[in-house]
Each structure stands twice: as structure tokens, then as C-alpha cells.
């Protein structure tokens, strides 16, 4: 388990992380979300003792990271796949980590096989593609067979097969009772992977909740209907006490009702329906709603040709601070 209590990091007048307190529990995949500049990377670096907090604390299984005798057997992390020594082979990169942490050499071959790099184990990592480098970084996180795993943008550079693989790997590790903490900007992938969410904005905790509850609490749910008898459908809905809103393309949207209720109402009045569907916002839409007031970096609102920008922008970097 990872426990944060009042974690704060200041750089001069800038507060990057502000009184963060939460727990990352074993047995589930916990997603870590926030716009660029929210403090995600700074928080993860403090978890691993790479940055010292201004105040507050982080405990890994009840201990500070610096107190762990064999840290790779407690917690494995992928923060930057490029941190590997490009002049060493994939095998030797992992061997150095193993030898410095008292891990048997046989484990190197095991994790290389697990991440699909056995065929290139003796090649220098500087020639690896982004996806191969990412797999090597994941192998280093797994090297000590740790109880806790942290991943920052783990699917970066992976092909569809690789994305499917790492998603299933994280779920399988969580099912074994391990603690899995993953940060990503890919909302569609996070929605398929995470069971629980920690959301921060401008260094502050915004949400600590299950995936289902987060979407439900930060998005609108409604039922969409379409019928060749549109006016009659509207009248029937009104008589039934439902408020229907025009949504374009001949569709109506109704809040506060289930598709079953409206389907039975239409059938009782001999109405033909061409569409009856429950709609719920995606994780991305719920996230945008939650963090709308906590976005630090905004685009100008127009593109280089003077046209309106496509939507809220969080800056140009691939990872949050």
C-alpha cells in the first residue's frame, strides 16, 4: 500500500503539490489523472524519494522509501523509459539493476521473456524503438517481483497488441493482490484499465473514488429516442411527466428516466421507435467536467490560421509536471 499524508512540494512561490492525502490500496488498478501541470509527475517522484517534499510524507508499506532495504522488491516503477543506458544491451541494463539489488540473474531472463524482448536481449537499447524502450522500462519495474508497481504513461509508444498486453498485465497483477498505480493521459485506455481513480488539479486532490462513481457524479446520463412519429412521441412523453429536449437529427433526449421505462411507455401508446438508447458520458467527458476549473495551461482559442481551437488544451508536453 502507498500512503500519502499532507504531501506538499513548493518551488519558491510555486506550489506544485498542495496537501495531498490519499491511499493506493492493493488488489485494484488505481488510475492517477490530472491536466498538465497538475503535479502528477512531481507526486510520483516524491513517492520514490527522487524529490523531497516540502512537508508531509509518503509511506510504502508503512516505510519511507529510503528505509526500504531492498527497494525493487517492494516497489517497481516506470517513470521514464529513456532512463536506461543506451550503450548497454537490454540484458545488461537489467543485470546491473539486479546485481545492485540482490536479485538473482535468472530473473533478468524471466522479465525479458515476459515483456517480449528475449529476441533482442543482447542488442543495445539505444537502437530500440519507443515501444521497445517502453517494454524494457516495464521489465525493469517488474525485475524485483515487487508488491507495488507504479507506471507513468505505460502505453506510450506501444502498438495495439502491446497496449492490450500491458492492460491485461496490470489487471492480472492487481488480481494477485498487488498495488498498481498508473498515470496516463489516454482516457479511453484508463477507462478500460483502472478500477479506482485519484484525480488532482493544480496540486490539490479533486477526487478519490471508483471509476463508476466518478463518471456518474461528473457526467450527465440520459436516454435518446428517435421516432417517425416525433410529435406524438413528444406529447406522450409530456403526458407521462417526462421532459424531452430536441437534440438534432430528429432525436429527443430525456433525463431522469430509464430506457426500459420509456420503451414501455412507447409500446403502451403504439409508438414506433427507431432508436432507444441509454447514454452516459465517457471518462474523458467526466474528467473534463471535473477539472474545468483546474487547468493551468490553455491554448489561445485559435489555431495558426485563426480558426477556433478544437477544445480545451493543457499545453504541449506529453506529461504533467
C-alpha atoms as a PDB file:
ATOM      1  CA  UNK A   1       0.000   0.000   0.000  1.00  0.00           C
ATOM      2  CA  UNK A   2       1.072   3.580  -0.723  1.00  0.00           C
ATOM      3  CA  UNK A   3       0.014   6.228   1.797  1.00  0.00           C
ATOM      4  CA  UNK A   4       0.328   9.983   1.266  1.00  0.00           C
ATOM      5  CA  UNK A   5      -0.331  12.364   4.139  1.00  0.00           C
ATOM      6  CA  UNK A   6      -0.337  16.132   3.644  1.00  0.00           C
ATOM      7  CA  UNK A   7       2.224  15.824   0.835  1.00  0.00           C
ATOM      8  CA  UNK A   8       3.348  19.284  -0.290  1.00  0.00           C
ATOM      9  CA  UNK A   9       6.047  20.470  -2.688  1.00  0.00           C
ATOM     10  CA  UNK A  10       6.922  24.117  -3.291  1.00  0.00           C
ATOM     11  CA  UNK A  11       9.398  25.615  -5.737  1.00  0.00           C
ATOM     12  CA  UNK A  12       9.831  29.155  -4.494  1.00  0.00           C
ATOM     13  CA  UNK A  13       6.429  30.842  -4.731  1.00  0.00           C
ATOM     14  CA  UNK A  14       5.038  27.990  -6.839  1.00  0.00           C
ATOM     15  CA  UNK A  15       3.161  25.197  -5.053  1.00  0.00           C
ATOM     16  CA  UNK A  16       3.349  22.119  -7.292  1.00  0.00           C
ATOM     17  CA  UNK A  17       1.698  19.702  -4.836  1.00  0.00           C
ATOM     18  CA  UNK A  18      -0.637  21.005  -2.166  1.00  0.00           C
ATOM     19  CA  UNK A  19      -1.528  18.955   0.948  1.00  0.00           C
ATOM     20  CA  UNK A  20      -2.195  15.699  -0.928  1.00  0.00           C
ATOM     21  CA  UNK A  21      -3.540  12.865   1.212  1.00  0.00           C
ATOM     22  CA  UNK A  22      -4.735   9.553  -0.216  1.00  0.00           C
ATOM     23  CA  UNK A  23      -4.063   5.820  -0.171  1.00  0.00           C
ATOM     24  CA  UNK A  24      -3.329   3.481  -3.063  1.00  0.00           C
ATOM     25  CA  UNK A  25      -4.702   0.116  -1.995  1.00  0.00           C
ATOM     26  CA  UNK A  26      -3.728  -3.386  -3.099  1.00  0.00           C
ATOM     27  CA  UNK A  27      -5.923  -5.545  -5.298  1.00  0.00           C
ATOM     28  CA  UNK A  28      -7.101  -2.837  -7.713  1.00  0.00           C
ATOM     29  CA  UNK A  29      -5.646  -0.765 -10.534  1.00  0.00           C
ATOM     30  CA  UNK A  30      -5.661   2.856  -9.370  1.00  0.00           C
ATOM     31  CA  UNK A  31      -5.554   5.496 -12.091  1.00  0.00           C
ATOM     32  CA  UNK A  32      -3.843   8.845 -11.458  1.00  0.00           C
ATOM     33  CA  UNK A  33      -5.332  11.669 -13.518  1.00  0.00           C
ATOM     34  CA  UNK A  34      -4.847  15.397 -13.860  1.00  0.00           C
ATOM     35  CA  UNK A  35      -4.206  18.059 -16.514  1.00  0.00           C
ATOM     36  CA  UNK A  36      -0.681  19.093 -17.440  1.00  0.00           C
ATOM     37  CA  UNK A  37       0.872  20.972 -14.552  1.00  0.00           C
ATOM     38  CA  UNK A  38      -1.383  19.280 -12.017  1.00  0.00           C
ATOM     39  CA  UNK A  39       1.558  17.833 -10.093  1.00  0.00           C
ATOM     40  CA  UNK A  40       1.300  14.159 -11.070  1.00  0.00           C
ATOM     41  CA  UNK A  41       4.937  13.593 -12.016  1.00  0.00           C
ATOM     42  CA  UNK A  42       6.171  15.568  -9.009  1.00  0.00           C
ATOM     43  CA  UNK A  43       3.972  13.447  -6.746  1.00  0.00           C
ATOM     44  CA  UNK A  44       5.273  10.203  -8.240  1.00  0.00           C
ATOM     45  CA  UNK A  45       8.877  11.370  -7.901  1.00  0.00           C
ATOM     46  CA  UNK A  46       8.295  12.129  -4.219  1.00  0.00           C
ATOM     47  CA  UNK A  47       6.766   8.671  -3.751  1.00  0.00           C
ATOM     48  CA  UNK A  48      10.060   7.207  -4.943  1.00  0.00           C
ATOM     49  CA  UNK A  49      12.307   9.534  -2.969  1.00  0.00           C
ATOM     50  CA  UNK A  50      13.576  11.268  -6.114  1.00  0.00           C
ATOM     51  CA  UNK A  51      12.289  14.612  -4.822  1.00  0.00           C
ATOM     52  CA  UNK A  52      11.996  15.628  -1.190  1.00  0.00           C
ATOM     53  CA  UNK A  53       8.628  17.031  -0.071  1.00  0.00           C
ATOM     54  CA  UNK A  54       8.447  20.481   1.463  1.00  0.00           C
ATOM     55  CA  UNK A  55       6.145  18.935   4.044  1.00  0.00           C
ATOM     56  CA  UNK A  56       4.049  15.834   4.525  1.00  0.00           C
ATOM     57  CA  UNK A  57       5.082  12.220   3.967  1.00  0.00           C
ATOM     58  CA  UNK A  58       4.830   9.161   1.737  1.00  0.00           C
ATOM     59  CA  UNK A  59       4.971   5.628   3.097  1.00  0.00           C
ATOM     60  CA  UNK A  60       5.496   2.438   1.116  1.00  0.00           C
ATOM     61  CA  UNK A  61       4.104  -0.495   3.086  1.00  0.00           C
ATOM     62  CA  UNK A  62       4.470   1.660   6.195  1.00  0.00           C
ATOM     63  CA  UNK A  63       8.040   2.863   5.488  1.00  0.00           C
ATOM     64  CA  UNK A  64       9.650   5.809   3.771  1.00  0.00           C
ATOM     65  CA  UNK A  65      11.273   4.798   0.501  1.00  0.00           C
ATOM     66  CA  UNK A  66      14.761   5.483   1.870  1.00  0.00           C
ATOM     67  CA  UNK A  67      14.095   2.980   4.669  1.00  0.00           C
ATOM     68  CA  UNK A  68      13.461   0.068   2.282  1.00  0.00           C
ATOM     69  CA  UNK A  69      16.371  -2.387   2.433  1.00  0.00           C
ATOM     70  CA  UNK A  70      15.676  -3.887  -0.999  1.00  0.00           C
ATOM     71  CA  UNK A  71      13.512  -1.245  -2.723  1.00  0.00           C
ATOM     72  CA  UNK A  72      12.995  -3.081  -6.036  1.00  0.00           C
ATOM     73  CA  UNK A  73      11.361  -5.968  -4.184  1.00  0.00           C
ATOM     74  CA  UNK A  74       8.900  -3.540  -2.583  1.00  0.00           C
ATOM     75  CA  UNK A  75       8.102  -1.169  -5.419  1.00  0.00           C
ATOM     76  CA  UNK A  76       8.888  -1.167  -9.116  1.00  0.00           C
ATOM     77  CA  UNK A  77       8.391   1.935 -11.210  1.00  0.00           C
ATOM     78  CA  UNK A  78       8.429   3.144 -14.792  1.00  0.00           C
ATOM     79  CA  UNK A  79       8.667   6.941 -14.866  1.00  0.00           C
ATOM     80  CA  UNK A  80      10.889   7.439 -17.913  1.00  0.00           C
ATOM     81  CA  UNK A  81      11.735   4.616 -20.307  1.00  0.00           C
ATOM     82  CA  UNK A  82      14.630   6.692 -21.704  1.00  0.00           C
ATOM     83  CA  UNK A  83      16.445   6.484 -18.364  1.00  0.00           C
ATOM     84  CA  UNK A  84      18.122   3.244 -19.471  1.00  0.00           C
ATOM     85  CA  UNK A  85      21.797   3.330 -20.529  1.00  0.00           C
ATOM     86  CA  UNK A  86      21.650   3.257 -24.333  1.00  0.00           C
ATOM     87  CA  UNK A  87      25.194   1.887 -24.602  1.00  0.00           C
ATOM     88  CA  UNK A  88      24.233  -1.296 -22.741  1.00  0.00           C
ATOM     89  CA  UNK A  89      22.258  -4.213 -24.046  1.00  0.00           C
ATOM     90  CA  UNK A  90      18.744  -4.802 -22.756  1.00  0.00           C
ATOM     91  CA  UNK A  91      20.098  -7.764 -20.787  1.00  0.00           C
ATOM     92  CA  UNK A  92      22.950  -5.802 -19.205  1.00  0.00           C
ATOM     93  CA  UNK A  93      20.724  -2.859 -18.275  1.00  0.00           C
ATOM     94  CA  UNK A  94      18.582  -5.237 -16.261  1.00  0.00           C
ATOM     95  CA  UNK A  95      21.560  -7.215 -14.959  1.00  0.00           C
ATOM     96  CA  UNK A  96      23.065  -4.077 -13.408  1.00  0.00           C
ATOM     97  CA  UNK A  97      19.789  -3.385 -11.624  1.00  0.00           C
ATOM     98  CA  UNK A  98      19.566  -6.993 -10.468  1.00  0.00           C
ATOM     99  CA  UNK A  99      23.115  -7.128  -9.119  1.00  0.00           C
ATOM    100  CA  UNK A 100      22.770  -3.828  -7.244  1.00  0.00           C
ATOM    101  CA  UNK A 101      19.556  -5.014  -5.587  1.00  0.00           C
ATOM    102  CA  UNK A 102      20.488  -8.611  -4.750  1.00  0.00           C
ATOM    103  CA  UNK A 103      18.129 -10.078  -7.367  1.00  0.00           C
ATOM    104  CA  UNK A 104      19.108 -13.444  -8.956  1.00  0.00           C
ATOM    105  CA  UNK A 105      20.359 -13.181 -12.555  1.00  0.00           C
ATOM    106  CA  UNK A 106      17.750 -15.723 -13.721  1.00  0.00           C
ATOM    107  CA  UNK A 107      15.113 -13.067 -13.078  1.00  0.00           C
ATOM    108  CA  UNK A 108      16.559 -10.966 -15.933  1.00  0.00           C
ATOM    109  CA  UNK A 109      15.698 -13.622 -18.496  1.00  0.00           C
ATOM    110  CA  UNK A 110      12.265 -14.117 -16.950  1.00  0.00           C
ATOM    111  CA  UNK A 111      11.208 -10.485 -17.249  1.00  0.00           C
ATOM    112  CA  UNK A 112      12.680 -10.113 -20.740  1.00  0.00           C
ATOM    113  CA  UNK A 113      10.571 -13.059 -21.798  1.00  0.00           C
ATOM    114  CA  UNK A 114       7.530 -11.625 -20.023  1.00  0.00           C
ATOM    115  CA  UNK A 115       7.734  -8.319 -21.921  1.00  0.00           C
ATOM    116  CA  UNK A 116       8.584  -9.937 -25.259  1.00  0.00           C
ATOM    117  CA  UNK A 117      12.200  -8.762 -25.619  1.00  0.00           C
ATOM    118  CA  UNK A 118      14.080 -12.087 -25.464  1.00  0.00           C
ATOM    119  CA  UNK A 119      14.971 -11.890 -29.169  1.00  0.00           C
ATOM    120  CA  UNK A 120      16.697  -8.512 -28.720  1.00  0.00           C
ATOM    121  CA  UNK A 121      18.129  -9.092 -25.235  1.00  0.00           C
ATOM    122  CA  UNK A 122      21.739  -8.779 -26.493  1.00  0.00           C
ATOM    123  CA  UNK A 123      21.137  -5.615 -28.539  1.00  0.00           C
ATOM    124  CA  UNK A 124      21.995  -2.149 -27.266  1.00  0.00           C
ATOM    125  CA  UNK A 125      18.943  -0.291 -26.079  1.00  0.00           C
ATOM    126  CA  UNK A 126      19.893   2.937 -27.903  1.00  0.00           C
ATOM    127  CA  UNK A 127      18.659   1.297 -31.098  1.00  0.00           C
ATOM    128  CA  UNK A 128      15.275   0.404 -29.648  1.00  0.00           C
ATOM    129  CA  UNK A 129      12.064   1.902 -30.902  1.00  0.00           C
ATOM    130  CA  UNK A 130       9.904   3.888 -28.477  1.00  0.00           C
ATOM    131  CA  UNK A 131       7.699   0.848 -27.890  1.00  0.00           C
ATOM    132  CA  UNK A 132      10.673  -1.477 -27.294  1.00  0.00           C
ATOM    133  CA  UNK A 133      12.174   1.021 -24.868  1.00  0.00           C
ATOM    134  CA  UNK A 134       8.865   1.148 -23.064  1.00  0.00           C
ATOM    135  CA  UNK A 135       8.824  -2.654 -22.737  1.00  0.00           C
ATOM    136  CA  UNK A 136      12.362  -2.575 -21.325  1.00  0.00           C
ATOM    137  CA  UNK A 137      11.269   0.023 -18.783  1.00  0.00           C
ATOM    138  CA  UNK A 138       8.344  -2.188 -17.773  1.00  0.00           C
ATOM    139  CA  UNK A 139      10.759  -5.125 -17.435  1.00  0.00           C
ATOM    140  CA  UNK A 140      12.898  -3.076 -15.030  1.00  0.00           C
ATOM    141  CA  UNK A 141       9.818  -2.289 -12.929  1.00  0.00           C
ATOM    142  CA  UNK A 142       8.959  -5.988 -12.753  1.00  0.00           C
ATOM    143  CA  UNK A 143      12.518  -7.139 -12.062  1.00  0.00           C
ATOM    144  CA  UNK A 144      12.227  -7.425  -8.277  1.00  0.00           C
ATOM    145  CA  UNK A 145       8.801  -9.086  -8.453  1.00  0.00           C
ATOM    146  CA  UNK A 146       7.516  -6.202  -6.292  1.00  0.00           C
ATOM    147  CA  UNK A 147       4.259  -5.959  -4.364  1.00  0.00           C
ATOM    148  CA  UNK A 148       3.728  -2.384  -5.605  1.00  0.00           C
ATOM    149  CA  UNK A 149       4.052  -1.116  -9.172  1.00  0.00           C
ATOM    150  CA  UNK A 150       3.937   2.461 -10.465  1.00  0.00           C
ATOM    151  CA  UNK A 151       3.645   3.300 -14.157  1.00  0.00           C
ATOM    152  CA  UNK A 152       3.722   6.754 -15.773  1.00  0.00           C
ATOM    153  CA  UNK A 153       2.254   6.620 -19.299  1.00  0.00           C
ATOM    154  CA  UNK A 154       2.950   2.868 -19.670  1.00  0.00           C
ATOM    155  CA  UNK A 155       1.309   2.525 -23.118  1.00  0.00           C
ATOM    156  CA  UNK A 156       3.370   5.336 -24.664  1.00  0.00           C
ATOM    157  CA  UNK A 157       4.759   4.070 -27.985  1.00  0.00           C
ATOM    158  CA  UNK A 158       3.162   0.620 -27.762  1.00  0.00           C
ATOM    159  CA  UNK A 159       1.259  -0.857 -30.699  1.00  0.00           C
ATOM    160  CA  UNK A 160      -2.310  -2.162 -30.230  1.00  0.00           C
ATOM    161  CA  UNK A 161      -1.054  -5.617 -29.238  1.00  0.00           C
ATOM    162  CA  UNK A 162       1.297  -4.075 -26.702  1.00  0.00           C
ATOM    163  CA  UNK A 163      -1.444  -1.877 -25.248  1.00  0.00           C
ATOM    164  CA  UNK A 164      -3.700  -4.910 -24.849  1.00  0.00           C
ATOM    165  CA  UNK A 165      -0.830  -6.805 -23.221  1.00  0.00           C
ATOM    166  CA  UNK A 166       0.074  -4.147 -20.627  1.00  0.00           C
ATOM    167  CA  UNK A 167      -3.610  -3.592 -19.800  1.00  0.00           C
ATOM    168  CA  UNK A 168      -4.103  -7.288 -19.075  1.00  0.00           C
ATOM    169  CA  UNK A 169      -0.786  -7.463 -17.205  1.00  0.00           C
ATOM    170  CA  UNK A 170      -1.789  -4.667 -14.828  1.00  0.00           C
ATOM    171  CA  UNK A 171      -5.164  -6.274 -14.200  1.00  0.00           C
ATOM    172  CA  UNK A 172      -3.561  -9.670 -13.581  1.00  0.00           C
ATOM    173  CA  UNK A 173      -1.041  -8.187 -11.139  1.00  0.00           C
ATOM    174  CA  UNK A 174      -3.838  -6.415  -9.260  1.00  0.00           C
ATOM    175  CA  UNK A 175      -5.797  -9.676  -9.140  1.00  0.00           C
ATOM    176  CA  UNK A 176      -2.795 -11.221  -7.356  1.00  0.00           C
ATOM    177  CA  UNK A 177      -3.264  -8.632  -4.600  1.00  0.00           C
ATOM    178  CA  UNK A 178      -0.558  -6.213  -5.709  1.00  0.00           C
ATOM    179  CA  UNK A 179      -0.838  -2.435  -5.591  1.00  0.00           C
ATOM    180  CA  UNK A 180      -0.953  -0.907  -9.091  1.00  0.00           C
ATOM    181  CA  UNK A 181      -0.727   2.867  -9.585  1.00  0.00           C
ATOM    182  CA  UNK A 182      -0.831   4.163 -13.166  1.00  0.00           C
ATOM    183  CA  UNK A 183      -0.830   7.658 -14.639  1.00  0.00           C
ATOM    184  CA  UNK A 184      -1.950   8.272 -18.211  1.00  0.00           C
ATOM    185  CA  UNK A 185      -3.441  10.922 -20.474  1.00  0.00           C
ATOM    186  CA  UNK A 186      -5.166   8.265 -22.605  1.00  0.00           C
ATOM    187  CA  UNK A 187      -8.659   8.401 -21.121  1.00  0.00           C
ATOM    188  CA  UNK A 188     -10.054   5.630 -23.295  1.00  0.00           C
ATOM    189  CA  UNK A 189      -7.347   3.280 -22.085  1.00  0.00           C
ATOM    190  CA  UNK A 190      -7.691   4.346 -18.458  1.00  0.00           C
ATOM    191  CA  UNK A 191     -11.426   3.651 -18.646  1.00  0.00           C
ATOM    192  CA  UNK A 192     -10.636   0.065 -19.678  1.00  0.00           C
ATOM    193  CA  UNK A 193      -7.894  -0.480 -17.098  1.00  0.00           C
ATOM    194  CA  UNK A 194      -8.497   1.376 -13.822  1.00  0.00           C
ATOM    195  CA  UNK A 195     -10.909   0.346 -11.066  1.00  0.00           C
ATOM    196  CA  UNK A 196     -10.279   3.386  -8.846  1.00  0.00           C
ATOM    197  CA  UNK A 197      -9.284   6.972  -9.624  1.00  0.00           C
ATOM    198  CA  UNK A 198      -7.218   9.635  -7.928  1.00  0.00           C
ATOM    199  CA  UNK A 199      -7.722  12.984  -9.680  1.00  0.00           C
ATOM    200  CA  UNK A 200      -5.682  16.091  -8.906  1.00  0.00           C
ATOM    201  CA  UNK A 201      -5.672  19.634 -10.266  1.00  0.00           C
ATOM    202  CA  UNK A 202      -3.195  22.425  -9.507  1.00  0.00           C
ATOM    203  CA  UNK A 203      -1.604  20.122  -6.952  1.00  0.00           C
ATOM    204  CA  UNK A 204      -4.795  19.537  -4.976  1.00  0.00           C
ATOM    205  CA  UNK A 205      -6.894  16.404  -4.589  1.00  0.00           C
ATOM    206  CA  UNK A 206     -10.122  16.653  -6.618  1.00  0.00           C
ATOM    207  CA  UNK A 207     -11.419  13.087  -6.396  1.00  0.00           C
ATOM    208  CA  UNK A 208     -10.649   9.767  -4.718  1.00  0.00           C
ATOM    209  CA  UNK A 209     -13.364   7.400  -5.914  1.00  0.00           C
ATOM    210  CA  UNK A 210     -14.260   4.362  -8.002  1.00  0.00           C
ATOM    211  CA  UNK A 211     -14.297   4.661 -11.782  1.00  0.00           C
ATOM    212  CA  UNK A 212     -18.066   4.089 -11.932  1.00  0.00           C
ATOM    213  CA  UNK A 213     -18.833   6.684  -9.251  1.00  0.00           C
ATOM    214  CA  UNK A 214     -16.522   9.248 -10.851  1.00  0.00           C
ATOM    215  CA  UNK A 215     -18.304   9.032 -14.198  1.00  0.00           C
ATOM    216  CA  UNK A 216     -21.741   9.010 -12.592  1.00  0.00           C
ATOM    217  CA  UNK A 217     -21.044  12.025 -10.375  1.00  0.00           C
ATOM    218  CA  UNK A 218     -19.368  14.138 -13.049  1.00  0.00           C
ATOM    219  CA  UNK A 219     -21.457  13.485 -16.113  1.00  0.00           C
ATOM    220  CA  UNK A 220     -24.976  13.540 -17.409  1.00  0.00           C
ATOM    221  CA  UNK A 221     -26.930  10.359 -18.092  1.00  0.00           C
ATOM    222  CA  UNK A 222     -29.939  10.423 -20.400  1.00  0.00           C
ATOM    223  CA  UNK A 223     -31.999   8.373 -22.838  1.00  0.00           C
ATOM    224  CA  UNK A 224     -32.023   9.136 -26.565  1.00  0.00           C
ATOM    225  CA  UNK A 225     -35.142   8.439 -28.609  1.00  0.00           C
ATOM    226  CA  UNK A 226     -35.950   8.737 -32.300  1.00  0.00           C
ATOM    227  CA  UNK A 227     -39.286   8.014 -33.948  1.00  0.00           C
ATOM    228  CA  UNK A 228     -41.077   8.666 -37.255  1.00  0.00           C
ATOM    229  CA  UNK A 229     -43.964   9.815 -35.019  1.00  0.00           C
ATOM    230  CA  UNK A 230     -41.874  12.531 -33.397  1.00  0.00           C
ATOM    231  CA  UNK A 231     -44.628  14.980 -32.429  1.00  0.00           C
ATOM    232  CA  UNK A 232     -46.811  12.262 -30.970  1.00  0.00           C
ATOM    233  CA  UNK A 233     -43.820  10.865 -29.082  1.00  0.00           C
ATOM    234  CA  UNK A 234     -43.194  14.296 -27.572  1.00  0.00           C
ATOM    235  CA  UNK A 235     -46.851  14.526 -26.475  1.00  0.00           C
ATOM    236  CA  UNK A 236     -46.792  11.067 -24.908  1.00  0.00           C
ATOM    237  CA  UNK A 237     -43.578  11.871 -23.020  1.00  0.00           C
ATOM    238  CA  UNK A 238     -45.068  15.143 -21.767  1.00  0.00           C
ATOM    239  CA  UNK A 239     -48.245  13.380 -20.615  1.00  0.00           C
ATOM    240  CA  UNK A 240     -46.080  10.816 -18.824  1.00  0.00           C
ATOM    241  CA  UNK A 241     -44.292  13.556 -16.921  1.00  0.00           C
ATOM    242  CA  UNK A 242     -41.014  13.463 -18.874  1.00  0.00           C
ATOM    243  CA  UNK A 243     -39.232  16.491 -20.327  1.00  0.00           C
ATOM    244  CA  UNK A 244     -37.896  15.871 -23.830  1.00  0.00           C
ATOM    245  CA  UNK A 245     -35.223  18.095 -25.373  1.00  0.00           C
ATOM    246  CA  UNK A 246     -34.518  18.362 -29.114  1.00  0.00           C
ATOM    247  CA  UNK A 247     -31.012  17.119 -29.838  1.00  0.00           C
ATOM    248  CA  UNK A 248     -30.874  17.469 -33.619  1.00  0.00           C
ATOM    249  CA  UNK A 249     -31.112  14.832 -36.340  1.00  0.00           C
ATOM    250  CA  UNK A 250     -34.677  14.102 -35.283  1.00  0.00           C
ATOM    251  CA  UNK A 251     -33.742  12.809 -31.828  1.00  0.00           C
ATOM    252  CA  UNK A 252     -35.087  13.618 -28.375  1.00  0.00           C
ATOM    253  CA  UNK A 253     -33.163  13.371 -25.108  1.00  0.00           C
ATOM    254  CA  UNK A 254     -34.813  12.654 -21.760  1.00  0.00           C
ATOM    255  CA  UNK A 255     -33.164  12.990 -18.348  1.00  0.00           C
ATOM    256  CA  UNK A 256     -34.312  11.209 -15.191  1.00  0.00           C
ATOM    257  CA  UNK A 257     -35.680   8.084 -16.871  1.00  0.00           C
ATOM    258  CA  UNK A 258     -34.508   4.628 -17.879  1.00  0.00           C
ATOM    259  CA  UNK A 259     -34.645   3.194 -21.365  1.00  0.00           C
ATOM    260  CA  UNK A 260     -36.938   0.451 -20.017  1.00  0.00           C
ATOM    261  CA  UNK A 261     -39.449   2.982 -18.689  1.00  0.00           C
ATOM    262  CA  UNK A 262     -39.565   4.937 -21.917  1.00  0.00           C
ATOM    263  CA  UNK A 263     -39.683   1.814 -24.074  1.00  0.00           C
ATOM    264  CA  UNK A 264     -42.691   0.511 -22.142  1.00  0.00           C
ATOM    265  CA  UNK A 265     -44.380   3.921 -22.398  1.00  0.00           C
ATOM    266  CA  UNK A 266     -43.872   3.968 -26.163  1.00  0.00           C
ATOM    267  CA  UNK A 267     -45.184   0.401 -26.525  1.00  0.00           C
ATOM    268  CA  UNK A 268     -48.273   1.179 -24.421  1.00  0.00           C
ATOM    269  CA  UNK A 269     -49.078   4.010 -26.830  1.00  0.00           C
ATOM    270  CA  UNK A 270     -48.295   2.005 -30.014  1.00  0.00           C
ATOM    271  CA  UNK A 271     -45.391   4.256 -30.935  1.00  0.00           C
ATOM    272  CA  UNK A 272     -42.712   3.117 -33.369  1.00  0.00           C
ATOM    273  CA  UNK A 273     -39.159   3.785 -32.152  1.00  0.00           C
ATOM    274  CA  UNK A 274     -36.165   3.790 -34.433  1.00  0.00           C
ATOM    275  CA  UNK A 275     -33.785   4.450 -31.561  1.00  0.00           C
ATOM    276  CA  UNK A 276     -33.958   3.913 -27.815  1.00  0.00           C
ATOM    277  CA  UNK A 277     -30.582   4.070 -26.113  1.00  0.00           C
ATOM    278  CA  UNK A 278     -29.127   4.906 -22.725  1.00  0.00           C
ATOM    279  CA  UNK A 279     -26.319   7.453 -22.928  1.00  0.00           C
ATOM    280  CA  UNK A 280     -23.621   8.122 -20.371  1.00  0.00           C
ATOM    281  CA  UNK A 281     -20.625  10.385 -20.691  1.00  0.00           C
ATOM    282  CA  UNK A 282     -17.211   8.856 -21.235  1.00  0.00           C
ATOM    283  CA  UNK A 283     -14.394   9.073 -18.698  1.00  0.00           C
ATOM    284  CA  UNK A 284     -12.873  11.827 -20.821  1.00  0.00           C
ATOM    285  CA  UNK A 285     -16.055  13.929 -20.668  1.00  0.00           C
ATOM    286  CA  UNK A 286     -16.387  13.372 -16.916  1.00  0.00           C
ATOM    287  CA  UNK A 287     -12.710  14.285 -16.449  1.00  0.00           C
ATOM    288  CA  UNK A 288     -13.097  17.495 -18.463  1.00  0.00           C
ATOM    289  CA  UNK A 289     -16.119  18.432 -16.360  1.00  0.00           C
ATOM    290  CA  UNK A 290     -14.300  17.726 -13.089  1.00  0.00           C
ATOM    291  CA  UNK A 291     -11.064  19.548 -13.970  1.00  0.00           C
ATOM    292  CA  UNK A 292     -12.503  22.501 -15.935  1.00  0.00           C
ATOM    293  CA  UNK A 293     -11.545  24.931 -13.177  1.00  0.00           C
ATOM    294  CA  UNK A 294      -8.119  23.405 -12.513  1.00  0.00           C
ATOM    295  CA  UNK A 295      -6.487  23.595 -15.955  1.00  0.00           C
ATOM    296  CA  UNK A 296      -3.272  25.587 -15.705  1.00  0.00           C
ATOM    297  CA  UNK A 297      -2.224  25.761 -19.353  1.00  0.00           C
ATOM    298  CA  UNK A 298      -4.696  26.956 -22.001  1.00  0.00           C
ATOM    299  CA  UNK A 299      -4.312  27.418 -25.736  1.00  0.00           C
ATOM    300  CA  UNK A 300      -5.129  30.817 -27.207  1.00  0.00           C
ATOM    301  CA  UNK A 301      -8.504  29.666 -28.565  1.00  0.00           C
ATOM    302  CA  UNK A 302      -7.493  29.878 -32.245  1.00  0.00           C
ATOM    303  CA  UNK A 303      -5.258  27.735 -34.420  1.00  0.00           C
ATOM    304  CA  UNK A 304      -2.372  29.024 -36.578  1.00  0.00           C
ATOM    305  CA  UNK A 305      -4.850  30.010 -39.313  1.00  0.00           C
ATOM    306  CA  UNK A 306      -7.069  31.966 -36.911  1.00  0.00           C
ATOM    307  CA  UNK A 307      -9.754  29.273 -36.656  1.00  0.00           C
ATOM    308  CA  UNK A 308     -11.201  28.289 -33.252  1.00  0.00           C
ATOM    309  CA  UNK A 309      -9.094  25.758 -31.373  1.00  0.00           C
ATOM    310  CA  UNK A 310     -10.681  22.264 -31.176  1.00  0.00           C
ATOM    311  CA  UNK A 311     -11.249  22.333 -27.413  1.00  0.00           C
ATOM    312  CA  UNK A 312      -9.535  22.778 -24.055  1.00  0.00           C
ATOM    313  CA  UNK A 313      -5.787  22.369 -24.293  1.00  0.00           C
ATOM    314  CA  UNK A 314      -3.357  21.513 -21.480  1.00  0.00           C
ATOM    315  CA  UNK A 315      -0.108  22.686 -23.011  1.00  0.00           C
ATOM    316  CA  UNK A 316       2.283  20.962 -25.352  1.00  0.00           C
ATOM    317  CA  UNK A 317       4.112  18.441 -23.191  1.00  0.00           C
ATOM    318  CA  UNK A 318       3.162  14.797 -23.089  1.00  0.00           C
ATOM    319  CA  UNK A 319       3.215  14.526 -19.295  1.00  0.00           C
ATOM    320  CA  UNK A 320       2.075  16.612 -16.359  1.00  0.00           C
ATOM    321  CA  UNK A 321       4.540  18.215 -14.033  1.00  0.00           C
END
